Amino acid sequence: MRSRSFKLGEETVTLPRGTRVVLKTELRGEDGFLHRASTPATVRDLFHNTYLLETASGRRLKAERDQIRMAQGELLADLGTRWSRMWSHFTKSYECPNVLELVDVKRSREKGTISEADEPRYLADLARLEQVLEETLTRSVLPEEPTNREEIEEFTVEARLLI
């Protein structure tokens, strides 16, 4: 017997908190601001059939499911997928090849430990990361305390939307 493919319509899928979405239509926010179609936002909560969204600038608005679409068209049921991408970039950027392996070990043995034979490899990566952090700190031109907290918060939210 031949199997048929099964595909959910986009609007039938309930979006979990943290899902990045884009507005399909203009919507007025809780503060009265008019958000145009194609504005990116993040799902913060769901009440019955209404989503509470937050834009990168921190404005909140409510939308029905048919007024929004997923930003990337993919729904990650396993958040580990997102972290795997981040860790992969991290290991290449900072030359710490054992980090991904250590994350996998941790996932497979939540309360387990690594073997004594493997310890030196992981400790070498840790020493390398500490060295990179120290070097970066001494070269940094950033002030000790931020002078533009609002802009930093907005940038952070927008960066999270890209991950």
N, C-alpha and C. Protein backbone atom coordinates (compact mmCIF):
# COMPACT_ATOMS: atom_id res chain seq x y z
N MET A 1 0.84 -1.18 0.00
CA MET A 1 0.00 0.00 0.00
C MET A 1 0.88 1.24 0.00
N ARG A 2 0.57 2.16 -0.82
CA ARG A 2 1.36 3.38 -0.96
C ARG A 2 0.93 4.40 0.08
N SER A 3 1.93 5.03 0.76
CA SER A 3 1.58 6.02 1.77
C SER A 3 1.39 7.39 1.14
N ARG A 4 0.48 8.13 1.68
CA ARG A 4 0.24 9.48 1.20
C ARG A 4 0.99 10.48 2.07
N SER A 5 1.44 11.53 1.46
CA SER A 5 2.11 12.55 2.26
C SER A 5 1.06 13.34 3.03
N PHE A 6 1.47 13.81 4.18
CA PHE A 6 0.57 14.56 5.04
C PHE A 6 1.21 15.90 5.36
N LYS A 7 0.48 16.96 5.13
CA LYS A 7 1.02 18.28 5.39
C LYS A 7 -0.05 19.12 6.07
N LEU A 8 0.33 19.70 7.20
CA LEU A 8 -0.60 20.59 7.89
C LEU A 8 -0.61 21.94 7.19
N GLY A 9 -1.77 22.55 7.11
CA GLY A 9 -1.84 23.92 6.62
C GLY A 9 -1.17 24.82 7.65
N GLU A 10 -0.47 25.83 7.19
CA GLU A 10 0.28 26.67 8.12
C GLU A 10 -0.59 27.24 9.23
N GLU A 11 -1.79 27.65 8.90
CA GLU A 11 -2.64 28.31 9.89
C GLU A 11 -3.26 27.33 10.88
N THR A 12 -3.10 26.03 10.67
CA THR A 12 -3.65 25.06 11.62
C THR A 12 -2.66 24.72 12.73
N VAL A 13 -1.41 25.12 12.58
CA VAL A 13 -0.39 24.80 13.56
C VAL A 13 -0.36 25.87 14.64
N THR A 14 -0.50 25.45 15.90
CA THR A 14 -0.38 26.38 17.01
C THR A 14 1.09 26.70 17.21
N LEU A 15 1.40 27.98 17.29
CA LEU A 15 2.79 28.41 17.41
C LEU A 15 3.18 28.55 18.88
N PRO A 16 4.27 27.92 19.29
CA PRO A 16 4.70 28.03 20.68
C PRO A 16 5.38 29.37 20.96
N ARG A 17 5.52 29.67 22.24
CA ARG A 17 6.24 30.88 22.65
C ARG A 17 7.64 30.87 22.06
N GLY A 18 8.11 32.03 21.66
CA GLY A 18 9.45 32.15 21.10
C GLY A 18 9.50 32.02 19.59
N THR A 19 8.39 31.62 18.96
CA THR A 19 8.38 31.48 17.51
C THR A 19 8.45 32.86 16.86
N ARG A 20 9.32 32.98 15.88
CA ARG A 20 9.43 34.24 15.14
C ARG A 20 8.38 34.25 14.05
N VAL A 21 7.64 35.36 13.99
CA VAL A 21 6.56 35.48 13.03
C VAL A 21 6.67 36.81 12.28
N VAL A 22 5.88 36.94 11.23
CA VAL A 22 5.78 38.17 10.45
C VAL A 22 4.30 38.48 10.30
N LEU A 23 3.94 39.76 10.43
CA LEU A 23 2.55 40.16 10.27
C LEU A 23 2.15 40.08 8.81
N LYS A 24 0.96 39.54 8.56
CA LYS A 24 0.43 39.47 7.19
C LYS A 24 -0.34 40.75 6.86
N THR A 25 -0.89 41.39 7.88
CA THR A 25 -1.71 42.59 7.68
C THR A 25 -1.28 43.66 8.67
N GLU A 26 -1.76 44.88 8.44
CA GLU A 26 -1.50 45.95 9.40
C GLU A 26 -2.27 45.66 10.67
N LEU A 27 -1.63 45.89 11.81
CA LEU A 27 -2.28 45.68 13.10
C LEU A 27 -1.91 46.81 14.04
N ARG A 28 -2.86 47.21 14.88
CA ARG A 28 -2.61 48.25 15.86
C ARG A 28 -2.18 47.58 17.17
N GLY A 29 -1.08 48.09 17.74
CA GLY A 29 -0.55 47.54 18.97
C GLY A 29 -1.31 48.01 20.20
N GLU A 30 -0.95 47.48 21.35
CA GLU A 30 -1.61 47.85 22.60
C GLU A 30 -1.45 49.33 22.92
N ASP A 31 -0.36 49.94 22.43
CA ASP A 31 -0.10 51.36 22.68
C ASP A 31 -0.67 52.26 21.58
N GLY A 32 -1.40 51.67 20.62
CA GLY A 32 -1.99 52.44 19.54
C GLY A 32 -1.13 52.56 18.29
N PHE A 33 0.10 52.11 18.36
CA PHE A 33 1.02 52.19 17.22
C PHE A 33 0.53 51.25 16.11
N LEU A 34 0.54 51.74 14.88
CA LEU A 34 0.11 50.93 13.75
C LEU A 34 1.31 50.21 13.15
N HIS A 35 1.31 48.88 13.23
CA HIS A 35 2.39 48.05 12.68
C HIS A 35 2.00 47.64 11.28
N ARG A 36 2.88 47.84 10.33
CA ARG A 36 2.57 47.51 8.95
C ARG A 36 2.77 46.01 8.69
N ALA A 37 2.18 45.55 7.62
CA ALA A 37 2.37 44.16 7.21
C ALA A 37 3.86 43.94 6.97
N SER A 38 4.33 42.77 7.24
CA SER A 38 5.74 42.33 7.12
C SER A 38 6.59 42.72 8.32
N THR A 39 5.99 43.27 9.37
CA THR A 39 6.73 43.57 10.59
C THR A 39 7.08 42.26 11.30
N PRO A 40 8.35 42.04 11.64
CA PRO A 40 8.70 40.82 12.38
C PRO A 40 8.34 40.97 13.86
N ALA A 41 8.00 39.85 14.47
CA ALA A 41 7.66 39.83 15.89
C ALA A 41 7.94 38.45 16.44
N THR A 42 7.80 38.32 17.75
CA THR A 42 8.02 37.04 18.42
C THR A 42 6.79 36.72 19.26
N VAL A 43 6.35 35.46 19.22
CA VAL A 43 5.21 35.03 20.03
C VAL A 43 5.64 35.01 21.50
N ARG A 44 4.93 35.76 22.33
CA ARG A 44 5.22 35.79 23.77
C ARG A 44 4.22 34.96 24.56
N ASP A 45 2.97 34.87 24.05
CA ASP A 45 1.97 34.08 24.77
C ASP A 45 0.79 33.80 23.85
N LEU A 46 -0.07 32.91 24.27
CA LEU A 46 -1.25 32.53 23.50
C LEU A 46 -2.44 32.45 24.44
N PHE A 47 -3.51 33.18 24.12
CA PHE A 47 -4.74 33.15 24.91
C PHE A 47 -5.86 32.72 23.97
N HIS A 48 -6.35 31.52 24.17
CA HIS A 48 -7.37 30.93 23.30
C HIS A 48 -6.86 30.95 21.86
N ASN A 49 -7.40 31.81 21.01
CA ASN A 49 -6.94 31.87 19.62
C ASN A 49 -6.17 33.15 19.32
N THR A 50 -5.82 33.91 20.34
CA THR A 50 -5.14 35.19 20.15
C THR A 50 -3.70 35.10 20.64
N TYR A 51 -2.79 35.52 19.79
CA TYR A 51 -1.36 35.52 20.13
C TYR A 51 -0.95 36.89 20.65
N LEU A 52 -0.17 36.90 21.72
CA LEU A 52 0.45 38.12 22.20
C LEU A 52 1.84 38.15 21.59
N LEU A 53 2.12 39.19 20.79
CA LEU A 53 3.38 39.30 20.07
C LEU A 53 4.18 40.47 20.61
N GLU A 54 5.49 40.40 20.38
CA GLU A 54 6.37 41.51 20.74
C GLU A 54 7.31 41.77 19.57
N THR A 55 7.41 43.04 19.18
CA THR A 55 8.31 43.41 18.09
C THR A 55 9.72 43.60 18.63
N ALA A 56 10.67 43.76 17.73
CA ALA A 56 12.06 43.95 18.13
C ALA A 56 12.25 45.20 18.98
N SER A 57 11.39 46.19 18.80
CA SER A 57 11.51 47.42 19.59
C SER A 57 10.78 47.32 20.92
N GLY A 58 10.18 46.15 21.21
CA GLY A 58 9.52 45.93 22.49
C GLY A 58 8.04 46.27 22.51
N ARG A 59 7.49 46.67 21.39
CA ARG A 59 6.05 46.97 21.34
C ARG A 59 5.26 45.67 21.32
N ARG A 60 4.13 45.68 22.01
CA ARG A 60 3.29 44.49 22.10
C ARG A 60 2.01 44.69 21.31
N LEU A 61 1.53 43.60 20.71
CA LEU A 61 0.29 43.63 19.98
C LEU A 61 -0.33 42.25 19.99
N LYS A 62 -1.63 42.21 19.69
CA LYS A 62 -2.35 40.95 19.65
C LYS A 62 -2.71 40.64 18.20
N ALA A 63 -2.69 39.35 17.87
CA ALA A 63 -3.01 38.93 16.50
C ALA A 63 -3.69 37.57 16.52
N GLU A 64 -4.58 37.38 15.58
CA GLU A 64 -5.19 36.07 15.38
C GLU A 64 -4.22 35.26 14.52
N ARG A 65 -4.38 33.95 14.50
CA ARG A 65 -3.45 33.07 13.78
C ARG A 65 -3.39 33.38 12.29
N ASP A 66 -4.53 33.76 11.70
CA ASP A 66 -4.54 34.03 10.26
C ASP A 66 -3.94 35.39 9.90
N GLN A 67 -3.54 36.18 10.90
CA GLN A 67 -2.92 37.48 10.65
C GLN A 67 -1.40 37.43 10.70
N ILE A 68 -0.85 36.26 11.00
CA ILE A 68 0.61 36.11 11.11
C ILE A 68 1.05 34.85 10.36
N ARG A 69 2.33 34.83 10.02
CA ARG A 69 2.93 33.62 9.44
C ARG A 69 4.30 33.43 10.09
N MET A 70 4.78 32.21 10.05
CA MET A 70 6.11 31.94 10.60
C MET A 70 7.15 32.65 9.76
N ALA A 71 8.14 33.23 10.41
CA ALA A 71 9.16 34.00 9.71
C ALA A 71 10.00 33.14 8.78
N GLN A 72 10.35 31.93 9.22
CA GLN A 72 11.22 31.08 8.40
C GLN A 72 10.51 29.88 7.81
N GLY A 73 9.26 29.73 8.13
CA GLY A 73 8.52 28.61 7.57
C GLY A 73 8.88 27.27 8.17
N GLU A 74 9.59 27.27 9.31
CA GLU A 74 9.92 26.02 9.96
C GLU A 74 9.61 26.13 11.44
N LEU A 75 9.08 25.06 11.97
CA LEU A 75 8.73 25.03 13.37
C LEU A 75 9.66 24.02 14.03
N LEU A 76 10.47 24.48 14.94
CA LEU A 76 11.43 23.59 15.59
C LEU A 76 10.80 22.99 16.84
N ALA A 77 10.44 21.73 16.75
CA ALA A 77 9.89 21.07 17.92
C ALA A 77 10.98 20.79 18.94
N ASP A 78 12.18 20.56 18.45
CA ASP A 78 13.32 20.30 19.32
C ASP A 78 14.23 21.52 19.31
N LEU A 79 14.23 22.26 20.40
CA LEU A 79 15.05 23.47 20.45
C LEU A 79 16.53 23.14 20.38
N GLY A 80 16.87 21.88 20.58
CA GLY A 80 18.26 21.47 20.45
C GLY A 80 18.80 21.71 19.04
N THR A 81 17.91 21.70 18.06
CA THR A 81 18.33 21.96 16.68
C THR A 81 18.91 23.35 16.56
N ARG A 82 18.24 24.32 17.16
CA ARG A 82 18.72 25.69 17.12
C ARG A 82 20.06 25.80 17.83
N TRP A 83 20.18 25.16 18.97
CA TRP A 83 21.44 25.21 19.74
C TRP A 83 22.55 24.50 18.99
N SER A 84 22.23 23.42 18.26
CA SER A 84 23.26 22.72 17.51
C SER A 84 23.89 23.62 16.46
N ARG A 85 23.07 24.44 15.81
CA ARG A 85 23.59 25.39 14.83
C ARG A 85 24.54 26.38 15.50
N MET A 86 24.11 26.89 16.66
CA MET A 86 24.92 27.86 17.38
C MET A 86 26.24 27.24 17.84
N TRP A 87 26.19 26.03 18.39
CA TRP A 87 27.41 25.37 18.86
C TRP A 87 28.35 25.06 17.71
N SER A 88 27.80 24.69 16.56
CA SER A 88 28.63 24.39 15.40
C SER A 88 29.42 25.63 14.98
N HIS A 89 28.76 26.77 14.94
CA HIS A 89 29.43 28.03 14.61
C HIS A 89 30.49 28.34 15.67
N PHE A 90 30.15 28.13 16.91
CA PHE A 90 31.04 28.41 18.04
C PHE A 90 32.33 27.59 17.94
N THR A 91 32.21 26.31 17.67
CA THR A 91 33.39 25.44 17.62
C THR A 91 34.32 25.82 16.48
N LYS A 92 33.76 26.25 15.36
CA LYS A 92 34.59 26.67 14.23
C LYS A 92 35.25 28.02 14.50
N SER A 93 34.50 28.94 15.07
CA SER A 93 35.02 30.29 15.31
C SER A 93 36.13 30.33 16.35
N TYR A 94 36.02 29.51 17.38
CA TYR A 94 36.97 29.59 18.48
C TYR A 94 37.88 28.38 18.60
N GLU A 95 37.91 27.58 17.56
CA GLU A 95 38.81 26.43 17.50
C GLU A 95 38.74 25.55 18.75
N CYS A 96 37.52 25.15 19.07
CA CYS A 96 37.28 24.25 20.20
C CYS A 96 36.50 23.04 19.68
N PRO A 97 37.20 22.10 19.05
CA PRO A 97 36.52 21.02 18.35
C PRO A 97 35.73 20.06 19.23
N ASN A 98 35.99 20.03 20.52
CA ASN A 98 35.33 19.05 21.37
C ASN A 98 34.04 19.55 22.01
N VAL A 99 33.69 20.80 21.78
CA VAL A 99 32.50 21.35 22.43
C VAL A 99 31.25 20.63 21.98
N LEU A 100 31.07 20.42 20.66
CA LEU A 100 29.87 19.72 20.18
C LEU A 100 29.76 18.32 20.77
N GLU A 101 30.88 17.64 20.83
CA GLU A 101 30.89 16.30 21.40
C GLU A 101 30.49 16.34 22.88
N LEU A 102 30.99 17.33 23.60
CA LEU A 102 30.66 17.46 25.02
C LEU A 102 29.17 17.76 25.21
N VAL A 103 28.60 18.59 24.34
CA VAL A 103 27.16 18.87 24.41
C VAL A 103 26.37 17.58 24.17
N ASP A 104 26.78 16.78 23.19
CA ASP A 104 26.10 15.51 22.92
C ASP A 104 26.21 14.56 24.11
N VAL A 105 27.38 14.51 24.73
CA VAL A 105 27.56 13.66 25.91
C VAL A 105 26.61 14.11 27.01
N LYS A 106 26.52 15.40 27.22
CA LYS A 106 25.65 15.94 28.27
C LYS A 106 24.19 15.60 27.98
N ARG A 107 23.78 15.72 26.72
CA ARG A 107 22.39 15.40 26.37
C ARG A 107 22.08 13.92 26.58
N SER A 108 23.02 13.06 26.24
CA SER A 108 22.75 11.62 26.33
C SER A 108 22.82 11.11 27.77
N ARG A 109 23.59 11.77 28.59
CA ARG A 109 23.72 11.34 29.99
C ARG A 109 23.50 12.54 30.89
N GLU A 110 22.25 12.90 31.06
CA GLU A 110 21.92 14.12 31.79
C GLU A 110 22.60 14.21 33.15
N LYS A 111 22.66 13.10 33.87
CA LYS A 111 23.29 13.14 35.19
C LYS A 111 24.61 12.36 35.21
N GLY A 112 25.10 12.02 34.05
CA GLY A 112 26.34 11.26 33.96
C GLY A 112 27.56 12.16 33.98
N THR A 113 28.70 11.54 33.89
CA THR A 113 29.96 12.28 33.88
C THR A 113 30.79 11.82 32.68
N ILE A 114 31.83 12.59 32.38
CA ILE A 114 32.73 12.19 31.32
C ILE A 114 33.80 11.30 31.92
N SER A 115 34.43 10.51 31.08
CA SER A 115 35.46 9.61 31.58
C SER A 115 36.74 10.39 31.87
N GLU A 116 37.57 9.86 32.74
CA GLU A 116 38.83 10.52 33.07
C GLU A 116 39.74 10.60 31.85
N ALA A 117 39.63 9.63 30.96
CA ALA A 117 40.46 9.63 29.76
C ALA A 117 40.10 10.79 28.83
N ASP A 118 38.82 11.18 28.81
CA ASP A 118 38.38 12.28 27.94
C ASP A 118 38.57 13.66 28.57
N GLU A 119 38.75 13.71 29.86
CA GLU A 119 38.85 14.98 30.57
C GLU A 119 39.89 15.95 29.99
N PRO A 120 41.11 15.51 29.67
CA PRO A 120 42.11 16.45 29.15
C PRO A 120 41.67 17.18 27.87
N ARG A 121 40.95 16.49 26.99
CA ARG A 121 40.49 17.14 25.75
C ARG A 121 39.53 18.28 26.05
N TYR A 122 38.59 18.02 26.95
CA TYR A 122 37.60 19.06 27.27
C TYR A 122 38.24 20.19 28.06
N LEU A 123 39.15 19.87 28.95
CA LEU A 123 39.83 20.91 29.72
C LEU A 123 40.71 21.77 28.83
N ALA A 124 41.28 21.19 27.78
CA ALA A 124 42.08 21.97 26.83
C ALA A 124 41.19 22.99 26.11
N ASP A 125 39.98 22.58 25.73
CA ASP A 125 39.04 23.53 25.11
C ASP A 125 38.66 24.63 26.10
N LEU A 126 38.44 24.26 27.34
CA LEU A 126 38.08 25.25 28.36
C LEU A 126 39.21 26.27 28.53
N ALA A 127 40.45 25.79 28.59
CA ALA A 127 41.60 26.69 28.72
C ALA A 127 41.69 27.61 27.51
N ARG A 128 41.44 27.06 26.32
CA ARG A 128 41.47 27.86 25.09
C ARG A 128 40.40 28.94 25.13
N LEU A 129 39.20 28.59 25.57
CA LEU A 129 38.12 29.58 25.65
C LEU A 129 38.43 30.67 26.67
N GLU A 130 38.99 30.31 27.80
CA GLU A 130 39.36 31.30 28.80
C GLU A 130 40.42 32.26 28.25
N GLN A 131 41.35 31.72 27.48
CA GLN A 131 42.39 32.54 26.86
C GLN A 131 41.76 33.52 25.86
N VAL A 132 40.84 33.03 25.04
CA VAL A 132 40.17 33.88 24.06
C VAL A 132 39.40 35.00 24.78
N LEU A 133 38.70 34.65 25.85
CA LEU A 133 37.95 35.65 26.61
C LEU A 133 38.87 36.73 27.20
N GLU A 134 39.97 36.31 27.78
CA GLU A 134 40.93 37.27 28.36
C GLU A 134 41.50 38.19 27.28
N GLU A 135 41.91 37.62 26.15
CA GLU A 135 42.45 38.43 25.05
C GLU A 135 41.42 39.41 24.53
N THR A 136 40.20 38.95 24.41
CA THR A 136 39.12 39.81 23.91
C THR A 136 38.84 40.94 24.89
N LEU A 137 38.85 40.64 26.16
CA LEU A 137 38.61 41.65 27.18
C LEU A 137 39.67 42.75 27.14
N THR A 138 40.93 42.37 27.01
CA THR A 138 42.00 43.38 27.00
C THR A 138 41.97 44.23 25.74
N ARG A 139 41.48 43.70 24.62
CA ARG A 139 41.41 44.45 23.37
C ARG A 139 40.12 45.24 23.21
N SER A 140 39.15 44.98 24.05
CA SER A 140 37.84 45.59 23.90
C SER A 140 37.87 47.10 24.12
N VAL A 141 37.13 47.81 23.29
CA VAL A 141 37.00 49.26 23.45
C VAL A 141 35.67 49.60 24.13
N LEU A 142 34.94 48.59 24.52
CA LEU A 142 33.64 48.82 25.15
C LEU A 142 33.82 49.32 26.58
N PRO A 143 32.91 50.18 27.05
CA PRO A 143 32.98 50.63 28.44
C PRO A 143 32.59 49.50 29.39
N GLU A 144 32.96 49.65 30.66
CA GLU A 144 32.61 48.64 31.66
C GLU A 144 31.09 48.48 31.79
N GLU A 145 30.37 49.58 31.76
CA GLU A 145 28.91 49.58 31.86
C GLU A 145 28.33 50.19 30.58
N PRO A 146 27.24 49.64 30.07
CA PRO A 146 26.65 50.18 28.84
C PRO A 146 26.06 51.57 29.07
N THR A 147 26.17 52.40 28.06
CA THR A 147 25.61 53.75 28.13
C THR A 147 24.32 53.86 27.31
N ASN A 148 23.97 52.80 26.63
CA ASN A 148 22.79 52.81 25.75
C ASN A 148 21.98 51.52 25.93
N ARG A 149 21.48 51.30 27.10
CA ARG A 149 20.76 50.06 27.42
C ARG A 149 19.59 49.78 26.46
N GLU A 150 18.83 50.80 26.11
CA GLU A 150 17.66 50.59 25.25
C GLU A 150 18.07 50.07 23.87
N GLU A 151 19.10 50.66 23.28
CA GLU A 151 19.57 50.21 21.97
C GLU A 151 20.13 48.80 22.05
N ILE A 152 20.81 48.48 23.13
CA ILE A 152 21.37 47.14 23.32
C ILE A 152 20.25 46.11 23.39
N GLU A 153 19.21 46.44 24.14
CA GLU A 153 18.07 45.53 24.27
C GLU A 153 17.42 45.28 22.92
N GLU A 154 17.22 46.34 22.15
CA GLU A 154 16.62 46.20 20.83
C GLU A 154 17.50 45.35 19.90
N PHE A 155 18.81 45.60 19.93
CA PHE A 155 19.74 44.83 19.10
C PHE A 155 19.70 43.35 19.50
N THR A 156 19.68 43.08 20.82
CA THR A 156 19.66 41.71 21.30
C THR A 156 18.42 40.97 20.82
N VAL A 157 17.28 41.61 20.90
CA VAL A 157 16.04 40.99 20.45
C VAL A 157 16.11 40.71 18.95
N GLU A 158 16.60 41.69 18.17
CA GLU A 158 16.70 41.49 16.73
C GLU A 158 17.69 40.37 16.40
N ALA A 159 18.78 40.30 17.13
CA ALA A 159 19.76 39.23 16.90
C ALA A 159 19.16 37.87 17.19
N ARG A 160 18.36 37.78 18.24
CA ARG A 160 17.70 36.51 18.57
C ARG A 160 16.75 36.08 17.48
N LEU A 161 16.13 37.06 16.81
CA LEU A 161 15.23 36.73 15.72
C LEU A 161 15.97 36.09 14.55
N LEU A 162 17.26 36.36 14.42
CA LEU A 162 18.05 35.82 13.33
C LEU A 162 18.56 34.41 13.61
N ILE A 163 18.60 34.02 14.86
CA ILE A 163 19.16 32.71 15.22
C ILE A 163 18.22 31.61 14.80
